């Protein structure tokens, strides 16, 4: 799926709150970079951490919240 499509789907999953999405992608990408396992069932070799985080949110596998 293209980045634009992933972003649109991820925005739907956070009620179109682009600030929540940006914050969630950043925090999740940092966690993945620090060794946390991804919840995607695909090969993520060569993918950027932010792309992995965005896809997790777009697929509804990670649910961002205001609480953190």
PDB file of N, CA and C in Angstrom:
ATOM      1  N   UNK A   1       0.843  -1.176   0.000  1.00  0.00           N
ATOM      2  CA  UNK A   1       0.000   0.000   0.000  1.00  0.00           C
ATOM      3  C   UNK A   1       0.891   1.243   0.000  1.00  0.00           C
ATOM      4  N   UNK A   2       0.488   2.243  -0.725  1.00  0.00           N
ATOM      5  CA  UNK A   2       1.273   3.473  -0.815  1.00  0.00           C
ATOM      6  C   UNK A   2       1.168   4.276   0.476  1.00  0.00           C
ATOM      7  N   UNK A   3       2.165   5.098   0.706  1.00  0.00           N
ATOM      8  CA  UNK A   3       2.222   5.904   1.928  1.00  0.00           C
ATOM      9  C   UNK A   3       0.989   6.790   2.077  1.00  0.00           C
ATOM     10  N   UNK A   4       0.528   7.368   0.978  1.00  0.00           N
ATOM     11  CA  UNK A   4      -0.649   8.231   1.047  1.00  0.00           C
ATOM     12  C   UNK A   4      -1.885   7.452   1.491  1.00  0.00           C
ATOM     13  N   UNK A   5      -2.030   6.230   0.977  1.00  0.00           N
ATOM     14  CA  UNK A   5      -3.163   5.389   1.359  1.00  0.00           C
ATOM     15  C   UNK A   5      -3.060   4.962   2.821  1.00  0.00           C
ATOM     16  N   UNK A   6      -1.841   4.599   3.242  1.00  0.00           N
ATOM     17  CA  UNK A   6      -1.630   4.223   4.648  1.00  0.00           C
ATOM     18  C   UNK A   6      -1.957   5.385   5.579  1.00  0.00           C
ATOM     19  N   UNK A   7      -1.505   6.570   5.200  1.00  0.00           N
ATOM     20  CA  UNK A   7      -1.751   7.751   6.022  1.00  0.00           C
ATOM     21  C   UNK A   7      -3.242   8.043   6.130  1.00  0.00           C
ATOM     22  N   UNK A   8      -3.955   7.943   5.024  1.00  0.00           N
ATOM     23  CA  UNK A   8      -5.395   8.185   5.033  1.00  0.00           C
ATOM     24  C   UNK A   8      -6.110   7.181   5.934  1.00  0.00           C
ATOM     25  N   UNK A   9      -5.742   5.915   5.837  1.00  0.00           N
ATOM     26  CA  UNK A   9      -6.362   4.874   6.667  1.00  0.00           C
ATOM     27  C   UNK A   9      -5.998   5.075   8.141  1.00  0.00           C
ATOM     28  N   UNK A  10      -4.742   5.417   8.405  1.00  0.00           N
ATOM     29  CA  UNK A  10      -4.307   5.654   9.789  1.00  0.00           C
ATOM     30  C   UNK A  10      -5.039   6.853  10.379  1.00  0.00           C
ATOM     31  N   UNK A  11      -5.237   7.896   9.586  1.00  0.00           N
ATOM     32  CA  UNK A  11      -5.969   9.070  10.061  1.00  0.00           C
ATOM     33  C   UNK A  11      -7.398   8.708  10.440  1.00  0.00           C
ATOM     34  N   UNK A  12      -8.027   7.832   9.667  1.00  0.00           N
ATOM     35  CA  UNK A  12      -9.373   7.362  10.017  1.00  0.00           C
ATOM     36  C   UNK A  12      -9.362   6.691  11.383  1.00  0.00           C
ATOM     37  N   UNK A  13      -8.314   5.918  11.656  1.00  0.00           N
ATOM     38  CA  UNK A  13      -8.236   5.165  12.912  1.00  0.00           C
ATOM     39  C   UNK A  13      -7.955   6.041  14.129  1.00  0.00           C
ATOM     40  N   UNK A  14      -7.565   7.300  13.907  1.00  0.00           N
ATOM     41  CA  UNK A  14      -7.345   8.224  15.033  1.00  0.00           C
ATOM     42  C   UNK A  14      -8.308   9.411  14.948  1.00  0.00           C
ATOM     43  N   UNK A  15      -9.459   9.172  14.304  1.00  0.00           N
ATOM     44  CA  UNK A  15     -10.491  10.202  14.176  1.00  0.00           C
ATOM     45  C   UNK A  15      -9.964  11.482  13.539  1.00  0.00           C
ATOM     46  N   UNK A  16      -9.100  11.322  12.559  1.00  0.00           N
ATOM     47  CA  UNK A  16      -8.554  12.429  11.764  1.00  0.00           C
ATOM     48  C   UNK A  16      -7.785  13.451  12.593  1.00  0.00           C
ATOM     49  N   UNK A  17      -7.197  13.000  13.690  1.00  0.00           N
ATOM     50  CA  UNK A  17      -6.349  13.859  14.530  1.00  0.00           C
ATOM     51  C   UNK A  17      -4.904  13.702  14.066  1.00  0.00           C
ATOM     52  N   UNK A  18      -4.460  14.610  13.191  1.00  0.00           N
ATOM     53  CA  UNK A  18      -3.130  14.463  12.599  1.00  0.00           C
ATOM     54  C   UNK A  18      -2.015  14.631  13.623  1.00  0.00           C
ATOM     55  N   UNK A  19      -2.272  15.376  14.676  1.00  0.00           N
ATOM     56  CA  UNK A  19      -1.249  15.555  15.715  1.00  0.00           C
ATOM     57  C   UNK A  19      -1.084  14.279  16.537  1.00  0.00           C
ATOM     58  N   UNK A  20      -2.188  13.641  16.859  1.00  0.00           N
ATOM     59  CA  UNK A  20      -2.133  12.356  17.565  1.00  0.00           C
ATOM     60  C   UNK A  20      -1.418  11.329  16.691  1.00  0.00           C
ATOM     61  N   UNK A  21      -1.727  11.308  15.413  1.00  0.00           N
ATOM     62  CA  UNK A  21      -1.091  10.350  14.510  1.00  0.00           C
ATOM     63  C   UNK A  21       0.413  10.587  14.424  1.00  0.00           C
ATOM     64  N   UNK A  22       0.809  11.837  14.248  1.00  0.00           N
ATOM     65  CA  UNK A  22       2.241  12.145  14.150  1.00  0.00           C
ATOM     66  C   UNK A  22       2.979  11.746  15.419  1.00  0.00           C
ATOM     67  N   UNK A  23       2.387  12.044  16.558  1.00  0.00           N
ATOM     68  CA  UNK A  23       2.993  11.695  17.845  1.00  0.00           C
ATOM     69  C   UNK A  23       3.073  10.172  18.017  1.00  0.00           C
ATOM     70  N   UNK A  24       2.003   9.483  17.662  1.00  0.00           N
ATOM     71  CA  UNK A  24       1.968   8.023  17.805  1.00  0.00           C
ATOM     72  C   UNK A  24       2.980   7.347  16.889  1.00  0.00           C
ATOM     73  N   UNK A  25       3.077   7.812  15.658  1.00  0.00           N
ATOM     74  CA  UNK A  25       4.046   7.234  14.715  1.00  0.00           C
ATOM     75  C   UNK A  25       5.464   7.450  15.229  1.00  0.00           C
ATOM     76  N   UNK A  26       5.744   8.648  15.721  1.00  0.00           N
ATOM     77  CA  UNK A  26       7.077   8.940  16.244  1.00  0.00           C
ATOM     78  C   UNK A  26       7.446   8.073  17.424  1.00  0.00           C
ATOM     79  N   UNK A  27       6.525   7.946  18.378  1.00  0.00           N
ATOM     80  CA  UNK A  27       6.796   7.131  19.574  1.00  0.00           C
ATOM     81  C   UNK A  27       6.940   5.655  19.220  1.00  0.00           C
ATOM     82  N   UNK A  28       6.065   5.176  18.337  1.00  0.00           N
ATOM     83  CA  UNK A  28       6.119   3.762  17.962  1.00  0.00           C
ATOM     84  C   UNK A  28       7.384   3.464  17.156  1.00  0.00           C
ATOM     85  N   UNK A  29       7.757   4.366  16.253  1.00  0.00           N
ATOM     86  CA  UNK A  29       8.979   4.179  15.465  1.00  0.00           C
ATOM     87  C   UNK A  29      10.203   4.136  16.376  1.00  0.00           C
ATOM     88  N   UNK A  30      10.220   4.993  17.382  1.00  0.00           N
ATOM     89  CA  UNK A  30      11.327   4.993  18.340  1.00  0.00           C
ATOM     90  C   UNK A  30      11.387   3.671  19.108  1.00  0.00           C
ATOM     91  N   UNK A  31      10.217   3.169  19.508  1.00  0.00           N
ATOM     92  CA  UNK A  31      10.177   1.894  20.234  1.00  0.00           C
ATOM     93  C   UNK A  31      10.695   0.750  19.355  1.00  0.00           C
ATOM     94  N   UNK A  32      10.300   0.742  18.105  1.00  0.00           N
ATOM     95  CA  UNK A  32      10.773  -0.300  17.178  1.00  0.00           C
ATOM     96  C   UNK A  32      12.275  -0.173  16.969  1.00  0.00           C
ATOM     97  N   UNK A  33      12.764   1.057  16.831  1.00  0.00           N
ATOM     98  CA  UNK A  33      14.201   1.289  16.654  1.00  0.00           C
ATOM     99  C   UNK A  33      14.994   0.810  17.864  1.00  0.00           C
ATOM    100  N   UNK A  34      14.370   0.861  19.033  1.00  0.00           N
ATOM    101  CA  UNK A  34      15.030   0.427  20.266  1.00  0.00           C
ATOM    102  C   UNK A  34      14.838  -1.052  20.556  1.00  0.00           C
ATOM    103  N   UNK A  35      14.298  -1.801  19.585  1.00  0.00           N
ATOM    104  CA  UNK A  35      14.246  -3.250  19.715  1.00  0.00           C
ATOM    105  C   UNK A  35      12.894  -3.859  19.990  1.00  0.00           C
ATOM    106  N   UNK A  36      11.855  -3.062  20.144  1.00  0.00           N
ATOM    107  CA  UNK A  36      10.530  -3.629  20.389  1.00  0.00           C
ATOM    108  C   UNK A  36      10.052  -4.345  19.120  1.00  0.00           C
ATOM    109  N   UNK A  37       9.432  -5.481  19.299  1.00  0.00           N
ATOM    110  CA  UNK A  37       8.971  -6.275  18.159  1.00  0.00           C
ATOM    111  C   UNK A  37       7.767  -5.613  17.491  1.00  0.00           C
ATOM    112  N   UNK A  38       7.691  -5.773  16.194  1.00  0.00           N
ATOM    113  CA  UNK A  38       6.550  -5.254  15.459  1.00  0.00           C
ATOM    114  C   UNK A  38       5.396  -6.252  15.520  1.00  0.00           C
ATOM    115  N   UNK A  39       4.192  -5.771  15.336  1.00  0.00           N
ATOM    116  CA  UNK A  39       3.027  -6.653  15.367  1.00  0.00           C
ATOM    117  C   UNK A  39       2.533  -6.978  13.958  1.00  0.00           C
ATOM    118  N   UNK A  40       3.274  -6.536  12.942  1.00  0.00           N
ATOM    119  CA  UNK A  40       2.899  -6.831  11.566  1.00  0.00           C
ATOM    120  C   UNK A  40       3.289  -8.254  11.209  1.00  0.00           C
ATOM    121  N   UNK A  41       2.499  -8.862  10.348  1.00  0.00           N
ATOM    122  CA  UNK A  41       2.759 -10.231   9.921  1.00  0.00           C
ATOM    123  C   UNK A  41       3.366 -10.258   8.521  1.00  0.00           C
ATOM    124  N   UNK A  42       4.215  -9.263   8.235  1.00  0.00           N
ATOM    125  CA  UNK A  42       4.878  -9.182   6.938  1.00  0.00           C
ATOM    126  C   UNK A  42       6.374  -9.017   7.175  1.00  0.00           C
ATOM    127  N   UNK A  43       7.143  -9.207   6.122  1.00  0.00           N
ATOM    128  CA  UNK A  43       8.585  -9.001   6.207  1.00  0.00           C
ATOM    129  C   UNK A  43       8.851  -7.494   6.172  1.00  0.00           C
ATOM    130  N   UNK A  44       9.453  -6.968   7.228  1.00  0.00           N
ATOM    131  CA  UNK A  44       9.700  -5.534   7.315  1.00  0.00           C
ATOM    132  C   UNK A  44      11.141  -5.176   6.965  1.00  0.00           C
ATOM    133  N   UNK A  45      11.885  -6.137   6.444  1.00  0.00           N
ATOM    134  CA  UNK A  45      13.267  -5.886   6.059  1.00  0.00           C
ATOM    135  C   UNK A  45      13.311  -4.760   5.032  1.00  0.00           C
ATOM    136  N   UNK A  46      14.110  -3.758   5.316  1.00  0.00           N
ATOM    137  CA  UNK A  46      14.260  -2.637   4.397  1.00  0.00           C
ATOM    138  C   UNK A  46      13.248  -1.522   4.587  1.00  0.00           C
ATOM    139  N   UNK A  47      12.270  -1.729   5.454  1.00  0.00           N
ATOM    140  CA  UNK A  47      11.271  -0.687   5.703  1.00  0.00           C
ATOM    141  C   UNK A  47      11.793   0.281   6.757  1.00  0.00           C
ATOM    142  N   UNK A  48      11.409   1.538   6.637  1.00  0.00           N
ATOM    143  CA  UNK A  48      11.753   2.527   7.652  1.00  0.00           C
ATOM    144  C   UNK A  48      10.868   2.294   8.871  1.00  0.00           C
ATOM    145  N   UNK A  49      11.391   2.632  10.043  1.00  0.00           N
ATOM    146  CA  UNK A  49      10.636   2.449  11.275  1.00  0.00           C
ATOM    147  C   UNK A  49       9.321   3.225  11.249  1.00  0.00           C
ATOM    148  N   UNK A  50       9.348   4.413  10.671  1.00  0.00           N
ATOM    149  CA  UNK A  50       8.115   5.212  10.602  1.00  0.00           C
ATOM    150  C   UNK A  50       7.074   4.557   9.694  1.00  0.00           C
ATOM    151  N   UNK A  51       7.524   3.922   8.627  1.00  0.00           N
ATOM    152  CA  UNK A  51       6.593   3.230   7.739  1.00  0.00           C
ATOM    153  C   UNK A  51       5.969   2.020   8.431  1.00  0.00           C
ATOM    154  N   UNK A  52       6.763   1.314   9.211  1.00  0.00           N
ATOM    155  CA  UNK A  52       6.251   0.174   9.965  1.00  0.00           C
ATOM    156  C   UNK A  52       5.205   0.660  10.971  1.00  0.00           C
ATOM    157  N   UNK A  53       5.530   1.718  11.704  1.00  0.00           N
ATOM    158  CA  UNK A  53       4.604   2.258  12.698  1.00  0.00           C
ATOM    159  C   UNK A  53       3.311   2.732  12.046  1.00  0.00           C
ATOM    160  N   UNK A  54       3.424   3.423  10.927  1.00  0.00           N
ATOM    161  CA  UNK A  54       2.242   3.910  10.217  1.00  0.00           C
ATOM    162  C   UNK A  54       1.377   2.747   9.754  1.00  0.00           C
ATOM    163  N   UNK A  55       1.998   1.699   9.258  1.00  0.00           N
ATOM    164  CA  UNK A  55       1.229   0.545   8.797  1.00  0.00           C
ATOM    165  C   UNK A  55       0.550  -0.162   9.968  1.00  0.00           C
ATOM    166  N   UNK A  56       1.218  -0.268  11.097  1.00  0.00           N
ATOM    167  CA  UNK A  56       0.592  -0.876  12.274  1.00  0.00           C
ATOM    168  C   UNK A  56      -0.664  -0.112  12.672  1.00  0.00           C
ATOM    169  N   UNK A  57      -0.594   1.200  12.643  1.00  0.00           N
ATOM    170  CA  UNK A  57      -1.749   2.029  13.006  1.00  0.00           C
ATOM    171  C   UNK A  57      -2.834   1.922  11.944  1.00  0.00           C
ATOM    172  N   UNK A  58      -2.451   1.957  10.676  1.00  0.00           N
ATOM    173  CA  UNK A  58      -3.423   1.863   9.585  1.00  0.00           C
ATOM    174  C   UNK A  58      -4.181   0.544   9.620  1.00  0.00           C
ATOM    175  N   UNK A  59      -3.497  -0.537   9.994  1.00  0.00           N
ATOM    176  CA  UNK A  59      -4.138  -1.852  10.068  1.00  0.00           C
ATOM    177  C   UNK A  59      -4.897  -2.055  11.371  1.00  0.00           C
ATOM    178  N   UNK A  60      -4.823  -1.099  12.283  1.00  0.00           N
ATOM    179  CA  UNK A  60      -5.539  -1.208  13.542  1.00  0.00           C
ATOM    180  C   UNK A  60      -4.886  -2.125  14.560  1.00  0.00           C
ATOM    181  N   UNK A  61      -3.617  -2.449  14.346  1.00  0.00           N
ATOM    182  CA  UNK A  61      -2.903  -3.338  15.275  1.00  0.00           C
ATOM    183  C   UNK A  61      -2.334  -2.568  16.458  1.00  0.00           C
ATOM    184  N   UNK A  62      -2.145  -1.272  16.283  1.00  0.00           N
ATOM    185  CA  UNK A  62      -1.724  -0.368  17.345  1.00  0.00           C
ATOM    186  C   UNK A  62      -2.791   0.711  17.432  1.00  0.00           C
ATOM    187  N   UNK A  63      -3.327   0.920  18.609  1.00  0.00           N
ATOM    188  CA  UNK A  63      -4.382   1.917  18.804  1.00  0.00           C
ATOM    189  C   UNK A  63      -3.802   3.083  19.622  1.00  0.00           C
ATOM    190  N   UNK A  64      -3.513   4.199  18.961  1.00  0.00           N
ATOM    191  CA  UNK A  64      -2.982   5.358  19.688  1.00  0.00           C
ATOM    192  C   UNK A  64      -4.057   5.984  20.588  1.00  0.00           C
ATOM    193  N   UNK A  65      -3.610   6.548  21.690  1.00  0.00           N
ATOM    194  CA  UNK A  65      -4.543   7.246  22.574  1.00  0.00           C
ATOM    195  C   UNK A  65      -3.879   8.525  23.069  1.00  0.00           C
ATOM    196  N   UNK A  66      -4.678   9.422  23.535  1.00  0.00           N
ATOM    197  CA  UNK A  66      -4.171  10.683  24.054  1.00  0.00           C
ATOM    198  C   UNK A  66      -3.332  10.449  25.313  1.00  0.00           C
ATOM    199  N   UNK A  67      -3.661   9.406  26.050  1.00  0.00           N
ATOM    200  CA  UNK A  67      -2.971   9.092  27.302  1.00  0.00           C
ATOM    201  C   UNK A  67      -1.519   8.701  27.087  1.00  0.00           C
ATOM    202  N   UNK A  68      -1.177   8.238  25.895  1.00  0.00           N
ATOM    203  CA  UNK A  68       0.199   7.830  25.632  1.00  0.00           C
ATOM    204  C   UNK A  68       0.256   6.420  25.287  1.00  0.00           C
TER     205      UNK A  68
END
